[in-house]
Amino acid sequence: MVNEKIKIKTENGQTIEVVVLNKSANRIEVVLGEGVHSVRASLTPTRNEMAYAGTIMGREIVYERSRAQVQADIDRLDPRLKKSR
């Protein structure tokens, strides 16, 4: 099984690659780190729906893709989900 990875930006401008656990247009669940030291986070759309934001250990993280772009990615990867809406 291939894990999907996305790049998120931290509040100090660093870019980190994280593993996606669950992805929908309303929420993206990610894991930072591996093994015992891994941390989970949920990213939700911002008010203007131009990015996803969340926190890990009190620090803000941002995934800079709009809700429409994420929905298009989901539809492209699994067209069966598009029919179920």
PDB file of N, CA and C in Angstrom:
ATOM      1  N   MET A   1       0.841  -1.175   0.000  1.00  0.00           N
ATOM      2  CA  MET A   1       0.000   0.000   0.000  1.00  0.00           C
ATOM      3  C   MET A   1       0.889   1.242   0.000  1.00  0.00           C
ATOM      4  N   VAL A   2       0.538   2.199  -0.831  1.00  0.00           N
ATOM      5  CA  VAL A   2       1.300   3.436  -0.929  1.00  0.00           C
ATOM      6  C   VAL A   2       0.595   4.515  -0.113  1.00  0.00           C
ATOM      7  N   ASN A   3       1.332   5.110   0.826  1.00  0.00           N
ATOM      8  CA  ASN A   3       0.768   6.182   1.637  1.00  0.00           C
ATOM      9  C   ASN A   3       0.845   7.498   0.877  1.00  0.00           C
ATOM     10  N   GLU A   4      -0.252   8.237   0.893  1.00  0.00           N
ATOM     11  CA  GLU A   4      -0.251   9.556   0.270  1.00  0.00           C
ATOM     12  C   GLU A   4       0.446  10.524   1.208  1.00  0.00           C
ATOM     13  N   LYS A   5       1.321  11.343   0.661  1.00  0.00           N
ATOM     14  CA  LYS A   5       2.032  12.344   1.455  1.00  0.00           C
ATOM     15  C   LYS A   5       1.741  13.723   0.879  1.00  0.00           C
ATOM     16  N   ILE A   6       1.592  14.692   1.772  1.00  0.00           N
ATOM     17  CA  ILE A   6       1.388  16.075   1.360  1.00  0.00           C
ATOM     18  C   ILE A   6       2.401  16.949   2.085  1.00  0.00           C
ATOM     19  N   LYS A   7       2.639  18.130   1.532  1.00  0.00           N
ATOM     20  CA  LYS A   7       3.561  19.077   2.153  1.00  0.00           C
ATOM     21  C   LYS A   7       2.752  20.167   2.840  1.00  0.00           C
ATOM     22  N   ILE A   8       3.056  20.359   4.121  1.00  0.00           N
ATOM     23  CA  ILE A   8       2.391  21.399   4.886  1.00  0.00           C
ATOM     24  C   ILE A   8       3.420  22.441   5.301  1.00  0.00           C
ATOM     25  N   LYS A   9       2.932  23.616   5.609  1.00  0.00           N
ATOM     26  CA  LYS A   9       3.811  24.703   6.018  1.00  0.00           C
ATOM     27  C   LYS A   9       3.557  25.023   7.486  1.00  0.00           C
ATOM     28  N   THR A  10       4.643  25.183   8.262  1.00  0.00           N
ATOM     29  CA  THR A  10       4.511  25.528   9.671  1.00  0.00           C
ATOM     30  C   THR A  10       4.442  27.035   9.830  1.00  0.00           C
ATOM     31  N   GLU A  11       4.164  27.476  11.049  1.00  0.00           N
ATOM     32  CA  GLU A  11       4.015  28.911  11.278  1.00  0.00           C
ATOM     33  C   GLU A  11       5.311  29.693  11.100  1.00  0.00           C
ATOM     34  N   ASN A  12       6.460  29.008  11.151  1.00  0.00           N
ATOM     35  CA  ASN A  12       7.727  29.723  10.937  1.00  0.00           C
ATOM     36  C   ASN A  12       8.254  29.555   9.511  1.00  0.00           C
ATOM     37  N   GLY A  13       7.421  29.023   8.604  1.00  0.00           N
ATOM     38  CA  GLY A  13       7.775  28.970   7.193  1.00  0.00           C
ATOM     39  C   GLY A  13       8.418  27.682   6.718  1.00  0.00           C
ATOM     40  N   GLN A  14       8.677  26.735   7.609  1.00  0.00           N
ATOM     41  CA  GLN A  14       9.264  25.457   7.194  1.00  0.00           C
ATOM     42  C   GLN A  14       8.221  24.608   6.481  1.00  0.00           C
ATOM     43  N   THR A  15       8.692  23.783   5.549  1.00  0.00           N
ATOM     44  CA  THR A  15       7.817  22.853   4.846  1.00  0.00           C
ATOM     45  C   THR A  15       8.108  21.445   5.353  1.00  0.00           C
ATOM     46  N   ILE A  16       7.048  20.726   5.726  1.00  0.00           N
ATOM     47  CA  ILE A  16       7.173  19.373   6.279  1.00  0.00           C
ATOM     48  C   ILE A  16       6.293  18.442   5.462  1.00  0.00           C
ATOM     49  N   GLU A  17       6.787  17.248   5.189  1.00  0.00           N
ATOM     50  CA  GLU A  17       5.994  16.245   4.486  1.00  0.00           C
ATOM     51  C   GLU A  17       5.347  15.334   5.522  1.00  0.00           C
ATOM     52  N   VAL A  18       4.018  15.174   5.436  1.00  0.00           N
ATOM     53  CA  VAL A  18       3.267  14.351   6.379  1.00  0.00           C
ATOM     54  C   VAL A  18       2.468  13.298   5.616  1.00  0.00           C
ATOM     55  N   VAL A  19       2.072  12.250   6.304  1.00  0.00           N
ATOM     56  CA  VAL A  19       1.291  11.156   5.723  1.00  0.00           C
ATOM     57  C   VAL A  19      -0.198  11.425   5.952  1.00  0.00           C
ATOM     58  N   VAL A  20      -0.992  11.223   4.922  1.00  0.00           N
ATOM     59  CA  VAL A  20      -2.446  11.427   5.002  1.00  0.00           C
ATOM     60  C   VAL A  20      -3.111  10.137   5.457  1.00  0.00           C
ATOM     61  N   LEU A  21      -3.891  10.220   6.541  1.00  0.00           N
ATOM     62  CA  LEU A  21      -4.664   9.071   7.014  1.00  0.00           C
ATOM     63  C   LEU A  21      -6.023   9.004   6.338  1.00  0.00           C
ATOM     64  N   ASN A  22      -6.706  10.137   6.307  1.00  0.00           N
ATOM     65  CA  ASN A  22      -8.054  10.209   5.761  1.00  0.00           C
ATOM     66  C   ASN A  22      -8.205  11.564   5.094  1.00  0.00           C
ATOM     67  N   LYS A  23      -8.815  11.570   3.916  1.00  0.00           N
ATOM     68  CA  LYS A  23      -8.932  12.816   3.169  1.00  0.00           C
ATOM     69  C   LYS A  23     -10.341  12.978   2.642  1.00  0.00           C
ATOM     70  N   SER A  24     -10.957  14.082   2.984  1.00  0.00           N
ATOM     71  CA  SER A  24     -12.248  14.467   2.417  1.00  0.00           C
ATOM     72  C   SER A  24     -12.218  15.981   2.236  1.00  0.00           C
ATOM     73  N   ALA A  25     -13.229  16.517   1.583  1.00  0.00           N
ATOM     74  CA  ALA A  25     -13.264  17.961   1.349  1.00  0.00           C
ATOM     75  C   ALA A  25     -13.469  18.730   2.651  1.00  0.00           C
ATOM     76  N   ASN A  26     -14.055  18.088   3.667  1.00  0.00           N
ATOM     77  CA  ASN A  26     -14.336  18.749   4.936  1.00  0.00           C
ATOM     78  C   ASN A  26     -13.205  18.637   5.949  1.00  0.00           C
ATOM     79  N   ARG A  27     -12.344  17.635   5.808  1.00  0.00           N
ATOM     80  CA  ARG A  27     -11.291  17.412   6.795  1.00  0.00           C
ATOM     81  C   ARG A  27     -10.194  16.536   6.204  1.00  0.00           C
ATOM     82  N   ILE A  28      -8.958  16.863   6.550  1.00  0.00           N
ATOM     83  CA  ILE A  28      -7.815  16.038   6.177  1.00  0.00           C
ATOM     84  C   ILE A  28      -7.117  15.631   7.468  1.00  0.00           C
ATOM     85  N   GLU A  29      -7.002  14.330   7.715  1.00  0.00           N
ATOM     86  CA  GLU A  29      -6.313  13.833   8.900  1.00  0.00           C
ATOM     87  C   GLU A  29      -4.917  13.391   8.497  1.00  0.00           C
ATOM     88  N   VAL A  30      -3.903  13.910   9.212  1.00  0.00           N
ATOM     89  CA  VAL A  30      -2.507  13.637   8.876  1.00  0.00           C
ATOM     90  C   VAL A  30      -1.755  13.127  10.094  1.00  0.00           C
ATOM     91  N   VAL A  31      -0.591  12.488   9.826  1.00  0.00           N
ATOM     92  CA  VAL A  31       0.302  12.020  10.880  1.00  0.00           C
ATOM     93  C   VAL A  31       1.678  12.595  10.623  1.00  0.00           C
ATOM     94  N   LEU A  32       2.249  13.201  11.642  1.00  0.00           N
ATOM     95  CA  LEU A  32       3.597  13.740  11.580  1.00  0.00           C
ATOM     96  C   LEU A  32       4.494  12.831  12.400  1.00  0.00           C
ATOM     97  N   GLY A  33       5.587  12.358  11.816  1.00  0.00           N
ATOM     98  CA  GLY A  33       6.506  11.460  12.509  1.00  0.00           C
ATOM     99  C   GLY A  33       6.167  10.003  12.274  1.00  0.00           C
ATOM    100  N   GLU A  34       6.955   9.139  12.899  1.00  0.00           N
ATOM    101  CA  GLU A  34       6.762   7.696  12.733  1.00  0.00           C
ATOM    102  C   GLU A  34       6.851   6.995  14.077  1.00  0.00           C
ATOM    103  N   GLY A  35       6.164   5.869  14.154  1.00  0.00           N
ATOM    104  CA  GLY A  35       6.264   5.014  15.330  1.00  0.00           C
ATOM    105  C   GLY A  35       5.650   5.630  16.574  1.00  0.00           C
ATOM    106  N   VAL A  36       6.334   5.439  17.707  1.00  0.00           N
ATOM    107  CA  VAL A  36       5.835   5.886  18.999  1.00  0.00           C
ATOM    108  C   VAL A  36       5.755   7.409  19.079  1.00  0.00           C
ATOM    109  N   HIS A  37       6.605   8.088  18.337  1.00  0.00           N
ATOM    110  CA  HIS A  37       6.675   9.543  18.415  1.00  0.00           C
ATOM    111  C   HIS A  37       5.797  10.250  17.391  1.00  0.00           C
ATOM    112  N   SER A  38       4.873   9.545  16.761  1.00  0.00           N
ATOM    113  CA  SER A  38       4.012  10.170  15.763  1.00  0.00           C
ATOM    114  C   SER A  38       2.909  10.988  16.435  1.00  0.00           C
ATOM    115  N   VAL A  39       2.455  12.024  15.733  1.00  0.00           N
ATOM    116  CA  VAL A  39       1.410  12.916  16.233  1.00  0.00           C
ATOM    117  C   VAL A  39       0.365  13.072  15.145  1.00  0.00           C
ATOM    118  N   ARG A  40      -0.910  12.960  15.530  1.00  0.00           N
ATOM    119  CA  ARG A  40      -2.012  13.115  14.586  1.00  0.00           C
ATOM    120  C   ARG A  40      -2.559  14.535  14.644  1.00  0.00           C
ATOM    121  N   ALA A  41      -3.083  14.979  13.500  1.00  0.00           N
ATOM    122  CA  ALA A  41      -3.717  16.300  13.446  1.00  0.00           C
ATOM    123  C   ALA A  41      -4.830  16.282  12.418  1.00  0.00           C
ATOM    124  N   SER A  42      -5.820  17.123  12.634  1.00  0.00           N
ATOM    125  CA  SER A  42      -6.913  17.302  11.679  1.00  0.00           C
ATOM    126  C   SER A  42      -6.805  18.692  11.090  1.00  0.00           C
ATOM    127  N   LEU A  43      -6.865  18.753   9.775  1.00  0.00           N
ATOM    128  CA  LEU A  43      -6.829  20.030   9.075  1.00  0.00           C
ATOM    129  C   LEU A  43      -8.226  20.297   8.540  1.00  0.00           C
ATOM    130  N   THR A  44      -8.757  21.479   8.808  1.00  0.00           N
ATOM    131  CA  THR A  44     -10.075  21.854   8.334  1.00  0.00           C
ATOM    132  C   THR A  44      -9.963  23.082   7.438  1.00  0.00           C
ATOM    133  N   PRO A  45     -10.918  23.271   6.532  1.00  0.00           N
ATOM    134  CA  PRO A  45     -10.841  24.427   5.631  1.00  0.00           C
ATOM    135  C   PRO A  45     -10.914  25.747   6.399  1.00  0.00           C
ATOM    136  N   THR A  46     -10.200  26.732   5.911  1.00  0.00           N
ATOM    137  CA  THR A  46     -10.277  28.065   6.497  1.00  0.00           C
ATOM    138  C   THR A  46     -11.598  28.717   6.089  1.00  0.00           C
ATOM    139  N   ARG A  47     -11.885  29.886   6.604  1.00  0.00           N
ATOM    140  CA  ARG A  47     -13.162  30.543   6.314  1.00  0.00           C
ATOM    141  C   ARG A  47     -13.365  30.823   4.831  1.00  0.00           C
ATOM    142  N   ASN A  48     -12.291  31.212   4.147  1.00  0.00           N
ATOM    143  CA  ASN A  48     -12.421  31.518   2.720  1.00  0.00           C
ATOM    144  C   ASN A  48     -12.201  30.287   1.835  1.00  0.00           C
ATOM    145  N   GLU A  49     -11.971  29.131   2.445  1.00  0.00           N
ATOM    146  CA  GLU A  49     -11.787  27.835   1.777  1.00  0.00           C
ATOM    147  C   GLU A  49     -10.629  27.826   0.781  1.00  0.00           C
ATOM    148  N   MET A  50      -9.612  28.634   1.014  1.00  0.00           N
ATOM    149  CA  MET A  50      -8.439  28.678   0.136  1.00  0.00           C
ATOM    150  C   MET A  50      -7.277  27.875   0.700  1.00  0.00           C
ATOM    151  N   ALA A  51      -7.419  27.312   1.919  1.00  0.00           N
ATOM    152  CA  ALA A  51      -6.370  26.507   2.540  1.00  0.00           C
ATOM    153  C   ALA A  51      -7.003  25.673   3.649  1.00  0.00           C
ATOM    154  N   TYR A  52      -6.210  24.759   4.195  1.00  0.00           N
ATOM    155  CA  TYR A  52      -6.611  23.950   5.343  1.00  0.00           C
ATOM    156  C   TYR A  52      -5.667  24.284   6.485  1.00  0.00           C
ATOM    157  N   ALA A  53      -6.187  24.401   7.709  1.00  0.00           N
ATOM    158  CA  ALA A  53      -5.355  24.752   8.854  1.00  0.00           C
ATOM    159  C   ALA A  53      -5.663  23.828  10.027  1.00  0.00           C
ATOM    160  N   GLY A  54      -4.662  23.650  10.875  1.00  0.00           N
ATOM    161  CA  GLY A  54      -4.803  22.842  12.075  1.00  0.00           C
ATOM    162  C   GLY A  54      -3.633  23.108  12.992  1.00  0.00           C
ATOM    163  N   THR A  55      -3.583  22.370  14.107  1.00  0.00           N
ATOM    164  CA  THR A  55      -2.478  22.539  15.036  1.00  0.00           C
ATOM    165  C   THR A  55      -1.876  21.189  15.393  1.00  0.00           C
ATOM    166  N   ILE A  56      -0.570  21.199  15.595  1.00  0.00           N
ATOM    167  CA  ILE A  56       0.160  20.044  16.108  1.00  0.00           C
ATOM    168  C   ILE A  56       0.999  20.544  17.264  1.00  0.00           C
ATOM    169  N   MET A  57       0.724  20.006  18.453  1.00  0.00           N
ATOM    170  CA  MET A  57       1.458  20.369  19.663  1.00  0.00           C
ATOM    171  C   MET A  57       1.491  21.882  19.864  1.00  0.00           C
ATOM    172  N   GLY A  58       0.361  22.544  19.639  1.00  0.00           N
ATOM    173  CA  GLY A  58       0.260  23.967  19.872  1.00  0.00           C
ATOM    174  C   GLY A  58       0.795  24.849  18.768  1.00  0.00           C
ATOM    175  N   ARG A  59       1.300  24.266  17.697  1.00  0.00           N
ATOM    176  CA  ARG A  59       1.833  25.029  16.572  1.00  0.00           C
ATOM    177  C   ARG A  59       0.883  24.933  15.394  1.00  0.00           C
ATOM    178  N   GLU A  60       0.677  26.052  14.711  1.00  0.00           N
ATOM    179  CA  GLU A  60      -0.231  26.065  13.573  1.00  0.00           C
ATOM    180  C   GLU A  60       0.448  25.498  12.332  1.00  0.00           C
ATOM    181  N   ILE A  61      -0.293  24.679  11.585  1.00  0.00           N
ATOM    182  CA  ILE A  61       0.178  24.147  10.305  1.00  0.00           C
ATOM    183  C   ILE A  61      -0.864  24.472   9.238  1.00  0.00           C
ATOM    184  N   VAL A  62      -0.402  24.655   7.999  1.00  0.00           N
ATOM    185  CA  VAL A  62      -1.295  25.047   6.907  1.00  0.00           C
ATOM    186  C   VAL A  62      -0.979  24.210   5.676  1.00  0.00           C
ATOM    187  N   TYR A  63      -2.030  23.687   5.038  1.00  0.00           N
ATOM    188  CA  TYR A  63      -1.930  23.004   3.753  1.00  0.00           C
ATOM    189  C   TYR A  63      -2.495  23.972   2.734  1.00  0.00           C
ATOM    190  N   GLU A  64      -1.653  24.473   1.857  1.00  0.00           N
ATOM    191  CA  GLU A  64      -2.029  25.568   0.967  1.00  0.00           C
ATOM    192  C   GLU A  64      -2.669  25.103  -0.336  1.00  0.00           C
ATOM    193  N   ARG A  65      -3.808  24.426  -0.215  1.00  0.00           N
ATOM    194  CA  ARG A  65      -4.623  24.060  -1.379  1.00  0.00           C
ATOM    195  C   ARG A  65      -6.065  24.342  -1.020  1.00  0.00           C
ATOM    196  N   SER A  66      -6.815  24.819  -1.988  1.00  0.00           N
ATOM    197  CA  SER A  66      -8.204  25.177  -1.725  1.00  0.00           C
ATOM    198  C   SER A  66      -9.067  23.919  -1.599  1.00  0.00           C
ATOM    199  N   ARG A  67     -10.257  24.126  -1.062  1.00  0.00           N
ATOM    200  CA  ARG A  67     -11.186  23.010  -0.901  1.00  0.00           C
ATOM    201  C   ARG A  67     -11.572  22.428  -2.258  1.00  0.00           C
ATOM    202  N   ALA A  68     -11.737  23.290  -3.258  1.00  0.00           N
ATOM    203  CA  ALA A  68     -12.079  22.824  -4.599  1.00  0.00           C
ATOM    204  C   ALA A  68     -10.955  21.983  -5.199  1.00  0.00           C
ATOM    205  N   GLN A  69      -9.694  22.360  -4.962  1.00  0.00           N
ATOM    206  CA  GLN A  69      -8.568  21.584  -5.475  1.00  0.00           C
ATOM    207  C   GLN A  69      -8.496  20.214  -4.801  1.00  0.00           C
ATOM    208  N   VAL A  70      -8.755  20.168  -3.494  1.00  0.00           N
ATOM    209  CA  VAL A  70      -8.734  18.890  -2.778  1.00  0.00           C
ATOM    210  C   VAL A  70      -9.869  17.993  -3.270  1.00  0.00           C
ATOM    211  N   GLN A  71     -11.055  18.571  -3.476  1.00  0.00           N
ATOM    212  CA  GLN A  71     -12.171  17.776  -3.986  1.00  0.00           C
ATOM    213  C   GLN A  71     -11.865  17.248  -5.381  1.00  0.00           C
ATOM    214  N   ALA A  72     -11.216  18.040  -6.204  1.00  0.00           N
ATOM    215  CA  ALA A  72     -10.835  17.592  -7.547  1.00  0.00           C
ATOM    216  C   ALA A  72      -9.823  16.454  -7.468  1.00  0.00           C
ATOM    217  N   ASP A  73      -8.884  16.520  -6.520  1.00  0.00           N
ATOM    218  CA  ASP A  73      -7.924  15.433  -6.323  1.00  0.00           C
ATOM    219  C   ASP A  73      -8.619  14.147  -5.909  1.00  0.00           C
ATOM    220  N   ILE A  74      -9.581  14.264  -5.003  1.00  0.00           N
ATOM    221  CA  ILE A  74     -10.319  13.084  -4.535  1.00  0.00           C
ATOM    222  C   ILE A  74     -11.105  12.468  -5.692  1.00  0.00           C
ATOM    223  N   ASP A  75     -11.769  13.302  -6.486  1.00  0.00           N
ATOM    224  CA  ASP A  75     -12.541  12.809  -7.628  1.00  0.00           C
ATOM    225  C   ASP A  75     -11.644  12.149  -8.668  1.00  0.00           C
ATOM    226  N   ARG A  76     -10.467  12.698  -8.874  1.00  0.00           N
ATOM    227  CA  ARG A  76      -9.537  12.143  -9.863  1.00  0.00           C
ATOM    228  C   ARG A  76      -8.978  10.801  -9.398  1.00  0.00           C
ATOM    229  N   LEU A  77      -8.685  10.674  -8.107  1.00  0.00           N
ATOM    230  CA  LEU A  77      -8.086   9.439  -7.596  1.00  0.00           C
ATOM    231  C   LEU A  77      -9.097   8.305  -7.491  1.00  0.00           C
ATOM    232  N   ASP A  78     -10.347   8.618  -7.153  1.00  0.00           N
ATOM    233  CA  ASP A  78     -11.365   7.578  -7.017  1.00  0.00           C
ATOM    234  C   ASP A  78     -12.691   8.073  -7.580  1.00  0.00           C
ATOM    235  N   PRO A  79     -12.928   7.879  -8.868  1.00  0.00           N
ATOM    236  CA  PRO A  79     -14.139   8.383  -9.513  1.00  0.00           C
ATOM    237  C   PRO A  79     -15.434   7.779  -8.948  1.00  0.00           C
ATOM    238  N   ARG A  80     -15.366   6.627  -8.303  1.00  0.00           N
ATOM    239  CA  ARG A  80     -16.573   6.016  -7.729  1.00  0.00           C
ATOM    240  C   ARG A  80     -17.170   6.886  -6.640  1.00  0.00           C
ATOM    241  N   LEU A  81     -16.331   7.621  -5.885  1.00  0.00           N
ATOM    242  CA  LEU A  81     -16.832   8.472  -4.819  1.00  0.00           C
ATOM    243  C   LEU A  81     -17.639   9.644  -5.370  1.00  0.00           C
ATOM    244  N   LYS A  82     -17.315  10.092  -6.572  1.00  0.00           N
ATOM    245  CA  LYS A  82     -18.030  11.202  -7.181  1.00  0.00           C
ATOM    246  C   LYS A  82     -19.492  10.830  -7.456  1.00  0.00           C
ATOM    247  N   LYS A  83     -19.739   9.581  -7.843  1.00  0.00           N
ATOM    248  CA  LYS A  83     -21.096   9.129  -8.150  1.00  0.00           C
ATOM    249  C   LYS A  83     -21.947   9.009  -6.891  1.00  0.00           C
ATOM    250  N   SER A  84     -21.327   8.786  -5.732  1.00  0.00           N
ATOM    251  CA  SER A  84     -22.092   8.563  -4.519  1.00  0.00           C
ATOM    252  C   SER A  84     -22.663   9.839  -3.917  1.00  0.00           C
ATOM    253  N   ARG A  85     -22.221  11.016  -4.374  1.00  0.00           N
ATOM    254  CA  ARG A  85     -22.740  12.270  -3.821  1.00  0.00           C
ATOM    255  C   ARG A  85     -24.079  12.616  -4.325  1.00  0.00           C
TER     256      ARG A  85
END
